[in-house]
Structures are given as C-alpha cells and as structure tokens.
C-alpha cells in the first residue's frame, strides 16, 4: 500500500514538474542578432528571451559571418537570409547568405552576390517566393526568386536607381513587399520607389514614387494593417512623413519631428515600428539617443507625440517589439548593448527593464 501511495505521489510530482516546463517554454522566445564585426563580434548571435522577466540570457554565436547587418526569416521560419554589408565579396558587391534553420540552429546553405555594394536590408514576400535586397552604396535592389525549400535562385533581377537621377547619389535603404508591389526607400534620391510585377519582372508602378522633402533621406517605412496609411522615417532631417492612400495612390499628408526642439547636436533617425494593435508608432534617434513615441489616430492616421525615452546607450539602430507586445528591445551600436524596455500597452510609454552587452548590435529579430 505504501509503495502504491509513493508511486502516486511521484506521478503527481512529475505531472507538476512537466507542466512547469511546458509553462516555462511558453514564456521563452529566441532572439537572433545581426552585428558589425569590426569591433569584436563574430557574426549572428542567439539569445533566449524570458517574456516574464524581460531578460536576455544564454548568449551564443549562431553563425560566423562578416557584417550581418540585416537578417530576415522566410514565412515558414525554415530559412534565414543574412546580408554581409561589405563591398568586396566580389568586385564592389556585397553578399547574401541563406541558412537552413533546425531547432534554432543555423546551417549555411548558399552564399550569393547581391550585385551591389554594402547591402543593408532584406525584404521577404508574404508567400516566401521573393526576396529583395537593398544595396546602400550600390544604389540598387536585387530581387531573387526563392524555391520551395527557401534557397535563392541565382541571377536575380537588379533594379538600378543610379540611372534615375544624375544630380543625386542613389542609396537604396529598404526593400519590402506591400499590396503586391515592391517598395524601395532611397535615402539619396529622397524618393520611395514603387514597382509592380509584370511578366516575372518588376517595372515601375502606376504611381512610380512617393516624394519626401529635399534632403530628408527616407530610410525605413511601415504601413497600417489596412495599408491605408504609410509612415516613412527620414534619417537626415529627423522626421516622420505620413502618407494616406486615396484611389489606390499614396499622398503625403503630415510630417513630424522626431527629436526634441531643445536638442542641440546632430541626430539621425534609424528604425520604425508599429505596435501590433496599431495604436502606437515608435522610432529611434541616433544622436539624441532616444525612442520617440507617437499615438496614432485610427481614423485620420495622424500622430500625436507621447514622448521620448532614453535608450540607455549610444546610437540606437534597429529595434523590435517582442511577440507578446509587452517589451521593446533596442540595439545600441556604439555602446555595445541591447536594452529591454517594458511597454505600457495603454499609454505606449517605455520603462527600463534590463540590458546585455554585445559588440555592435544592429539588427534584432525574434524567431
């Protein structure tokens, strides 16, 4: 009888222990970090993120690769695409590496040229069939077709922005797919170019481009969930421009400053993200070293300033909102740290939680 009772107690204990393990796994996410490798970094890193405590732990090197300044996943999360922001993979070309992912471990599959120098962004179509790379110094975009296994076909279509304007220097900075179109922000041309797929290639759309102020330097953009509003963060004049769709075309409506009017010194915008509920817009300021927070009017798309939060570091680049929406994580390139903030879902405000050290982090992606 005692043995049976003992076995019963042991079984109950194992059930409780296993349920705790299941609960623990639910509260853990994996974060991959792209870096610049001229400051002690070895490439792409992997962390575990605890969404109960807001802490990053278990740092490990996921792949040794030069200057993986931007990384992106295929929709099925079976592949990762990482650019090497260099100009010497081949003559004046950077490269893109395809990794297969198994249990959060990266296995290198292929490396190809991006057909332009210093690639800085990877955009993946929602169906995973297309991958677009923006080459900053090259001033062009390489559009690859992806196979079912995620591998990229060679010989991509290359869209050259250098031929568009003879007086300005093209700097493609973001390439993303939206409404079936390829959208490219070009920091040097002060344009957001739009392309439509025709007979297997991309050609200028009916609305060929969106225009921002001279010298604004459009860097990144995001759209509302219904794609009615498009927000562009401008690196060089520290502003955000709001566009609204009318009859299928976007028109500029408002422009907002991202840095405080009292700030003295140089500052350059970097990244831009919407909260999942579409209520708040966040952007990073390099120089002022803040995250600027705006509340969005859901009817008009207009922005109302909530405030700015210090990033607890220097030169904030890419940032991300975790899958729960509870936290904002910021990559501070020059102070070599990643800072975690708690996000108030009702007010949009941020409060410091934790930080970890890592050389030159510049891209954060939850897996």
Protein backbone atom coordinates (compact mmCIF):
# COMPACT_ATOMS: atom_id res chain seq x y z
CA UNK A 1 0.00 0.00 0.00
CA UNK A 2 2.82 2.36 0.89
CA UNK A 3 4.54 1.62 -2.42
CA UNK A 4 1.36 2.40 -4.35
CA UNK A 5 0.91 5.66 -2.44
CA UNK A 6 4.53 6.55 -3.09
CA UNK A 7 4.15 5.90 -6.81
CA UNK A 8 1.00 8.06 -6.83
CA UNK A 9 2.84 10.98 -5.18
CA UNK A 10 5.76 10.56 -7.59
CA UNK A 11 3.39 10.63 -10.58
CA UNK A 12 1.71 13.79 -9.33
CA UNK A 13 5.13 15.39 -8.86
CA UNK A 14 6.20 14.51 -12.41
CA UNK A 15 2.98 15.94 -13.82
CA UNK A 16 3.53 19.21 -11.93
CA UNK A 17 7.19 19.34 -12.99
CA UNK A 18 6.34 18.72 -16.64
CA UNK A 19 3.57 21.32 -16.57
CA UNK A 20 6.06 23.84 -15.19
CA UNK A 21 8.46 23.01 -18.02
CA UNK A 22 5.68 23.49 -20.57
CA UNK A 23 4.75 26.82 -18.98
CA UNK A 24 8.39 27.86 -18.94
CA UNK A 25 8.79 27.08 -22.64
CA UNK A 26 5.72 29.16 -23.43
CA UNK A 27 7.38 32.16 -21.82
CA UNK A 28 10.63 31.84 -23.76
CA UNK A 29 11.40 33.21 -27.21
CA UNK A 30 14.57 33.10 -29.27
CA UNK A 31 16.16 36.34 -30.45
CA UNK A 32 18.69 36.46 -33.28
CA UNK A 33 21.00 39.48 -33.51
CA UNK A 34 22.91 40.77 -36.51
CA UNK A 35 26.07 42.79 -35.82
CA UNK A 36 29.00 44.62 -37.34
CA UNK A 37 32.12 42.51 -36.91
CA UNK A 38 34.86 45.16 -36.76
CA UNK A 39 34.51 45.57 -33.00
CA UNK A 40 34.94 42.07 -31.57
CA UNK A 41 31.73 40.48 -32.82
CA UNK A 42 31.87 37.19 -34.74
CA UNK A 43 28.57 37.42 -36.65
CA UNK A 44 24.99 36.40 -35.79
CA UNK A 45 24.14 35.73 -32.16
CA UNK A 46 21.26 33.89 -30.47
CA UNK A 47 19.66 34.67 -27.11
CA UNK A 48 16.80 33.26 -25.10
CA UNK A 49 14.30 35.91 -24.07
CA UNK A 50 12.14 35.43 -20.98
CA UNK A 51 8.86 37.28 -21.51
CA UNK A 52 8.04 37.04 -17.80
CA UNK A 53 11.16 38.84 -16.60
CA UNK A 54 12.21 40.70 -19.76
CA UNK A 55 15.73 39.28 -19.60
CA UNK A 56 18.02 38.08 -22.38
CA UNK A 57 20.09 35.02 -21.41
CA UNK A 58 22.12 32.16 -22.89
CA UNK A 59 24.05 34.18 -25.47
CA UNK A 60 25.67 32.03 -28.16
CA UNK A 61 27.19 32.51 -31.58
CA UNK A 62 24.73 31.26 -34.20
CA UNK A 63 26.84 31.85 -37.32
CA UNK A 64 30.25 33.32 -38.04
CA UNK A 65 29.75 35.77 -40.89
CA UNK A 66 31.13 39.21 -41.71
CA UNK A 67 28.94 42.26 -41.01
CA UNK A 68 25.49 40.61 -40.93
CA UNK A 69 23.82 43.99 -40.55
CA UNK A 70 20.37 42.73 -41.51
CA UNK A 71 18.69 39.34 -41.19
CA UNK A 72 15.23 38.11 -42.16
CA UNK A 73 13.27 34.85 -41.96
CA UNK A 74 11.23 33.01 -44.54
CA UNK A 75 7.50 32.92 -43.62
CA UNK A 76 7.74 29.26 -42.52
CA UNK A 77 10.81 30.11 -40.38
CA UNK A 78 12.77 27.30 -42.02
CA UNK A 79 15.26 29.69 -43.62
CA UNK A 80 17.18 32.81 -42.65
CA UNK A 81 18.63 35.32 -45.09
CA UNK A 82 21.56 37.43 -43.88
CA UNK A 83 23.37 40.13 -45.82
CA UNK A 84 27.05 40.85 -45.37
CA UNK A 85 27.37 44.62 -45.56
CA UNK A 86 30.63 44.64 -47.49
CA UNK A 87 31.87 45.75 -50.91
CA UNK A 88 34.43 43.04 -51.53
CA UNK A 89 32.52 39.75 -51.79
CA UNK A 90 33.09 40.21 -55.49
CA UNK A 91 34.23 43.45 -57.10
CA UNK A 92 32.09 46.17 -55.47
CA UNK A 93 29.48 43.60 -54.37
CA UNK A 94 28.11 42.51 -51.03
CA UNK A 95 26.64 39.08 -50.33
CA UNK A 96 23.55 37.33 -49.03
CA UNK A 97 23.81 34.02 -47.14
CA UNK A 98 20.96 31.53 -46.90
CA UNK A 99 20.78 29.45 -43.73
CA UNK A 100 18.57 26.45 -43.05
CA UNK A 101 17.13 26.54 -39.51
CA UNK A 102 16.60 23.44 -37.41
CA UNK A 103 15.75 23.77 -33.73
CA UNK A 104 17.11 27.35 -33.79
CA UNK A 105 20.47 26.13 -35.15
CA UNK A 106 21.69 27.75 -38.38
CA UNK A 107 23.17 25.67 -41.20
CA UNK A 108 24.74 27.57 -44.09
CA UNK A 109 23.27 26.57 -47.45
CA UNK A 110 24.48 29.11 -50.00
CA UNK A 111 26.19 32.47 -50.47
CA UNK A 112 25.46 34.73 -53.44
CA UNK A 113 26.39 38.19 -54.64
CA UNK A 114 23.89 41.00 -54.08
CA UNK A 115 25.15 42.73 -57.26
CA UNK A 116 25.78 45.93 -55.34
CA UNK A 117 27.96 47.23 -52.54
CA UNK A 118 27.02 47.30 -48.86
CA UNK A 119 23.62 45.57 -48.75
CA UNK A 120 21.67 46.77 -45.71
CA UNK A 121 18.14 45.31 -45.86
CA UNK A 122 16.34 42.08 -46.75
CA UNK A 123 12.63 42.02 -47.57
CA UNK A 124 10.75 38.73 -47.93
CA UNK A 125 7.36 38.42 -49.66
CA UNK A 126 4.48 37.09 -47.56
CA UNK A 127 4.38 33.88 -49.58
CA UNK A 128 8.16 33.48 -49.36
CA UNK A 129 8.59 33.32 -53.13
CA UNK A 130 10.56 36.57 -53.49
CA UNK A 131 13.46 38.08 -51.55
CA UNK A 132 14.61 41.68 -52.18
CA UNK A 133 17.95 43.12 -51.03
CA UNK A 134 18.68 46.86 -50.88
CA UNK A 135 22.29 47.75 -51.68
CA UNK A 136 23.09 51.06 -49.99
CA UNK A 137 26.32 52.07 -51.70
CA UNK A 138 25.43 50.16 -54.85
CA UNK A 139 22.27 52.22 -55.22
CA UNK A 140 20.28 49.26 -56.49
CA UNK A 141 17.98 46.42 -55.48
CA UNK A 142 18.42 42.70 -56.20
CA UNK A 143 15.18 40.69 -56.37
CA UNK A 144 15.63 36.92 -56.02
CA UNK A 145 13.12 34.16 -56.67
CA UNK A 146 13.02 31.61 -53.86
CA UNK A 147 12.46 27.88 -54.24
CA UNK A 148 10.05 25.92 -52.03
CA UNK A 149 12.93 24.94 -49.76
CA UNK A 150 13.88 28.60 -49.30
CA UNK A 151 17.01 28.53 -51.44
CA UNK A 152 17.51 31.55 -53.69
CA UNK A 153 17.75 31.13 -57.44
CA UNK A 154 20.84 32.73 -58.99
CA UNK A 155 20.73 35.69 -61.39
CA UNK A 156 18.25 37.99 -59.63
CA UNK A 157 16.59 40.96 -61.28
CA UNK A 158 18.67 44.04 -60.48
CA UNK A 159 16.83 47.36 -60.36
CA UNK A 160 19.31 50.21 -60.72
CA UNK A 161 18.48 53.54 -59.07
CA UNK A 162 21.71 55.22 -60.17
CA UNK A 163 20.22 55.92 -63.61
CA UNK A 164 17.17 57.71 -62.18
CA UNK A 165 18.83 60.97 -61.16
CA UNK A 166 22.09 62.37 -62.48
CA UNK A 167 22.44 65.00 -59.75
CA UNK A 168 21.80 62.86 -56.67
CA UNK A 169 23.54 59.71 -55.48
CA UNK A 170 21.25 56.71 -55.09
CA UNK A 171 21.27 54.89 -51.73
CA UNK A 172 18.64 52.14 -51.58
CA UNK A 173 17.97 51.55 -47.89
CA UNK A 174 14.86 49.39 -47.54
CA UNK A 175 13.15 46.96 -49.91
CA UNK A 176 9.81 45.46 -48.91
CA UNK A 177 6.70 43.96 -50.45
CA UNK A 178 3.34 45.66 -49.90
CA UNK A 179 0.00 45.27 -51.69
CA UNK A 180 1.66 43.06 -54.29
CA UNK A 181 4.21 45.76 -55.07
CA UNK A 182 7.90 46.17 -54.31
CA UNK A 183 8.51 49.35 -52.32
CA UNK A 184 12.04 50.76 -52.03
CA UNK A 185 13.10 53.74 -49.95
CA UNK A 186 16.08 55.54 -51.45
CA UNK A 187 17.82 57.78 -48.95
CA UNK A 188 19.95 59.51 -51.56
CA UNK A 189 17.14 60.29 -54.00
CA UNK A 190 14.57 61.39 -51.38
CA UNK A 191 12.12 59.01 -53.04
CA UNK A 192 10.15 55.89 -52.16
CA UNK A 193 10.03 53.96 -55.42
CA UNK A 194 7.17 51.59 -56.29
CA UNK A 195 7.36 48.59 -58.63
CA UNK A 196 4.75 46.13 -59.94
CA UNK A 197 5.40 42.56 -61.08
CA UNK A 198 4.81 42.16 -64.83
CA UNK A 199 5.75 39.02 -66.77
CA UNK A 200 8.01 37.83 -63.97
CA UNK A 201 9.89 41.11 -63.51
CA UNK A 202 9.27 44.31 -61.58
CA UNK A 203 8.57 47.50 -63.52
CA UNK A 204 7.61 50.99 -62.27
CA UNK A 205 4.07 51.05 -60.86
CA UNK A 206 1.31 53.40 -62.00
CA UNK A 207 2.33 55.59 -59.07
CA UNK A 208 6.06 55.39 -59.62
CA UNK A 209 7.23 57.08 -56.45
CA UNK A 210 6.45 58.95 -53.27
CA UNK A 211 8.40 62.14 -52.61
CA UNK A 212 9.67 63.49 -49.29
CA UNK A 213 11.35 66.83 -48.55
CA UNK A 214 14.65 67.62 -50.23
CA UNK A 215 17.47 66.20 -48.11
CA UNK A 216 15.12 64.27 -45.80
CA UNK A 217 16.73 60.91 -46.51
CA UNK A 218 13.92 58.28 -46.28
CA UNK A 219 15.26 55.21 -44.50
CA UNK A 220 12.56 52.80 -43.30
CA UNK A 221 8.76 52.64 -43.61
CA UNK A 222 5.79 50.79 -42.15
CA UNK A 223 2.13 50.59 -43.12
CA UNK A 224 -1.04 50.32 -41.08
CA UNK A 225 -2.68 46.88 -41.09
CA UNK A 226 -5.26 48.00 -43.65
CA UNK A 227 -2.44 49.66 -45.71
CA UNK A 228 -4.37 52.96 -45.75
CA UNK A 229 -1.52 54.80 -44.03
CA UNK A 230 2.19 54.61 -44.74
CA UNK A 231 4.79 56.07 -42.36
CA UNK A 232 8.33 56.88 -43.51
CA UNK A 233 11.16 57.73 -41.12
CA UNK A 234 13.67 60.16 -42.61
CA UNK A 235 17.24 59.74 -41.44
CA UNK A 236 18.80 63.07 -42.38
CA UNK A 237 16.25 65.63 -41.17
CA UNK A 238 14.89 63.56 -38.26
CA UNK A 239 11.26 63.45 -39.29
CA UNK A 240 8.44 61.01 -39.97
CA UNK A 241 6.23 61.57 -43.01
CA UNK A 242 2.69 60.18 -43.06
CA UNK A 243 1.15 59.19 -46.39
CA UNK A 244 -2.50 58.30 -46.91
CA UNK A 245 -3.95 56.17 -49.68
CA UNK A 246 -6.53 57.76 -51.95
CA UNK A 247 -7.85 55.97 -55.04
CA UNK A 248 -5.03 53.45 -54.79
CA UNK A 249 -2.25 56.04 -54.55
CA UNK A 250 -0.39 57.43 -51.53
CA UNK A 251 -0.23 61.16 -50.87
CA UNK A 252 1.88 62.93 -48.25
CA UNK A 253 -0.27 64.46 -45.51
CA UNK A 254 1.84 65.35 -42.48
CA UNK A 255 5.46 65.48 -41.33
CA UNK A 256 6.51 65.21 -37.69
CA UNK A 257 9.79 65.97 -35.91
CA UNK A 258 11.34 63.05 -34.05
CA UNK A 259 13.86 64.94 -31.85
CA UNK A 260 13.11 67.47 -29.15
CA UNK A 261 13.26 71.11 -30.27
CA UNK A 262 15.67 71.80 -27.40
CA UNK A 263 18.15 69.12 -28.52
CA UNK A 264 21.50 70.53 -29.59
CA UNK A 265 23.76 68.49 -31.81
CA UNK A 266 23.41 66.09 -34.71
CA UNK A 267 20.88 63.29 -34.74
CA UNK A 268 19.88 60.76 -37.38
CA UNK A 269 16.79 58.57 -37.45
CA UNK A 270 17.15 54.80 -37.86
CA UNK A 271 14.26 52.37 -37.42
CA UNK A 272 10.46 52.48 -37.28
CA UNK A 273 7.82 50.06 -35.96
CA UNK A 274 4.10 49.97 -35.20
CA UNK A 275 2.64 48.22 -32.17
CA UNK A 276 0.60 45.16 -33.16
CA UNK A 277 -2.66 46.88 -32.21
CA UNK A 278 -1.80 49.80 -34.49
CA UNK A 279 -2.19 52.36 -31.71
CA UNK A 280 1.43 53.49 -31.33
CA UNK A 281 4.36 54.27 -33.62
CA UNK A 282 7.96 54.09 -32.40
CA UNK A 283 11.18 55.39 -33.98
CA UNK A 284 14.85 55.58 -33.00
CA UNK A 285 17.03 58.71 -32.93
CA UNK A 286 20.80 58.24 -33.19
CA UNK A 287 22.45 61.23 -31.55
CA UNK A 288 19.62 62.26 -29.28
CA UNK A 289 19.72 58.54 -28.37
CA UNK A 290 16.00 58.13 -27.79
CA UNK A 291 12.99 56.17 -28.85
CA UNK A 292 10.30 58.63 -29.94
CA UNK A 293 6.72 57.53 -29.23
CA UNK A 294 3.61 58.66 -31.11
CA UNK A 295 -0.05 57.77 -30.60
CA UNK A 296 -1.96 57.17 -33.83
CA UNK A 297 -5.44 58.46 -34.61
CA UNK A 298 -7.06 55.36 -36.11
CA UNK A 299 -9.39 57.42 -38.31
CA UNK A 300 -7.03 60.04 -39.72
CA UNK A 301 -3.69 58.27 -39.26
CA UNK A 302 -2.26 61.43 -37.75
CA UNK A 303 0.33 61.26 -34.98
CA UNK A 304 0.26 62.76 -31.51
CA UNK A 305 3.54 62.89 -29.59
CA UNK A 306 3.56 60.80 -26.42
CA UNK A 307 7.20 61.41 -25.51
CA UNK A 308 10.77 60.19 -25.84
CA UNK A 309 12.61 57.54 -23.84
CA UNK A 310 16.39 57.39 -23.42
CA UNK A 311 17.81 54.21 -24.93
CA UNK A 312 20.32 53.82 -22.07
CA UNK A 313 23.11 53.67 -24.63
CA UNK A 314 24.58 55.22 -27.76
CA UNK A 315 23.48 55.10 -31.40
CA UNK A 316 20.24 53.07 -31.41
CA UNK A 317 19.83 51.24 -34.72
CA UNK A 318 17.26 48.54 -35.29
CA UNK A 319 14.74 47.75 -32.56
CA UNK A 320 11.90 45.29 -32.19
CA UNK A 321 8.71 44.67 -30.25
CA UNK A 322 8.56 41.18 -28.76
CA UNK A 323 5.78 38.75 -29.80
CA UNK A 324 3.76 39.43 -26.63
CA UNK A 325 3.80 43.19 -27.26
CA UNK A 326 4.98 43.73 -23.67
CA UNK A 327 8.56 44.69 -24.45
CA UNK A 328 10.64 46.85 -26.80
CA UNK A 329 14.27 45.79 -27.38
CA UNK A 330 16.78 48.31 -28.74
CA UNK A 331 20.17 47.59 -30.36
CA UNK A 332 22.68 50.31 -29.40
CA UNK A 333 25.53 50.06 -31.90
CA UNK A 334 28.16 52.30 -30.31
CA UNK A 335 27.59 51.47 -26.65
CA UNK A 336 27.61 47.74 -27.49
CA UNK A 337 24.44 46.77 -25.68
CA UNK A 338 20.87 45.61 -26.18
CA UNK A 339 18.37 47.29 -23.85
CA UNK A 340 14.97 45.87 -22.91
CA UNK A 341 12.04 48.15 -22.05
CA UNK A 342 8.63 47.28 -20.71
CA UNK A 343 5.90 48.70 -22.96
CA UNK A 344 2.69 50.11 -21.47
CA UNK A 345 0.04 48.88 -23.89
CA UNK A 346 -2.45 51.56 -22.87
CA UNK A 347 -0.17 54.60 -22.94
CA UNK A 348 2.63 53.44 -25.26
CA UNK A 349 5.32 54.54 -22.79
CA UNK A 350 8.53 52.62 -22.10
CA UNK A 351 10.35 51.80 -18.86
CA UNK A 352 13.78 50.22 -18.47
CA UNK A 353 13.93 46.52 -17.54
CA UNK A 354 17.35 45.06 -18.37
CA UNK A 355 20.34 45.14 -20.70
CA UNK A 356 23.03 42.82 -22.06
CA UNK A 357 26.40 43.57 -23.61
CA UNK A 358 27.16 42.64 -27.21
CA UNK A 359 29.63 44.22 -29.66
CA UNK A 360 27.96 46.46 -32.30
CA UNK A 361 24.41 45.03 -32.39
CA UNK A 362 22.40 46.45 -35.30
CA UNK A 363 19.52 44.05 -36.12
CA UNK A 364 17.11 42.25 -33.78
CA UNK A 365 14.75 39.52 -34.99
CA UNK A 366 12.54 37.23 -32.90
CA UNK A 367 12.30 33.71 -34.22
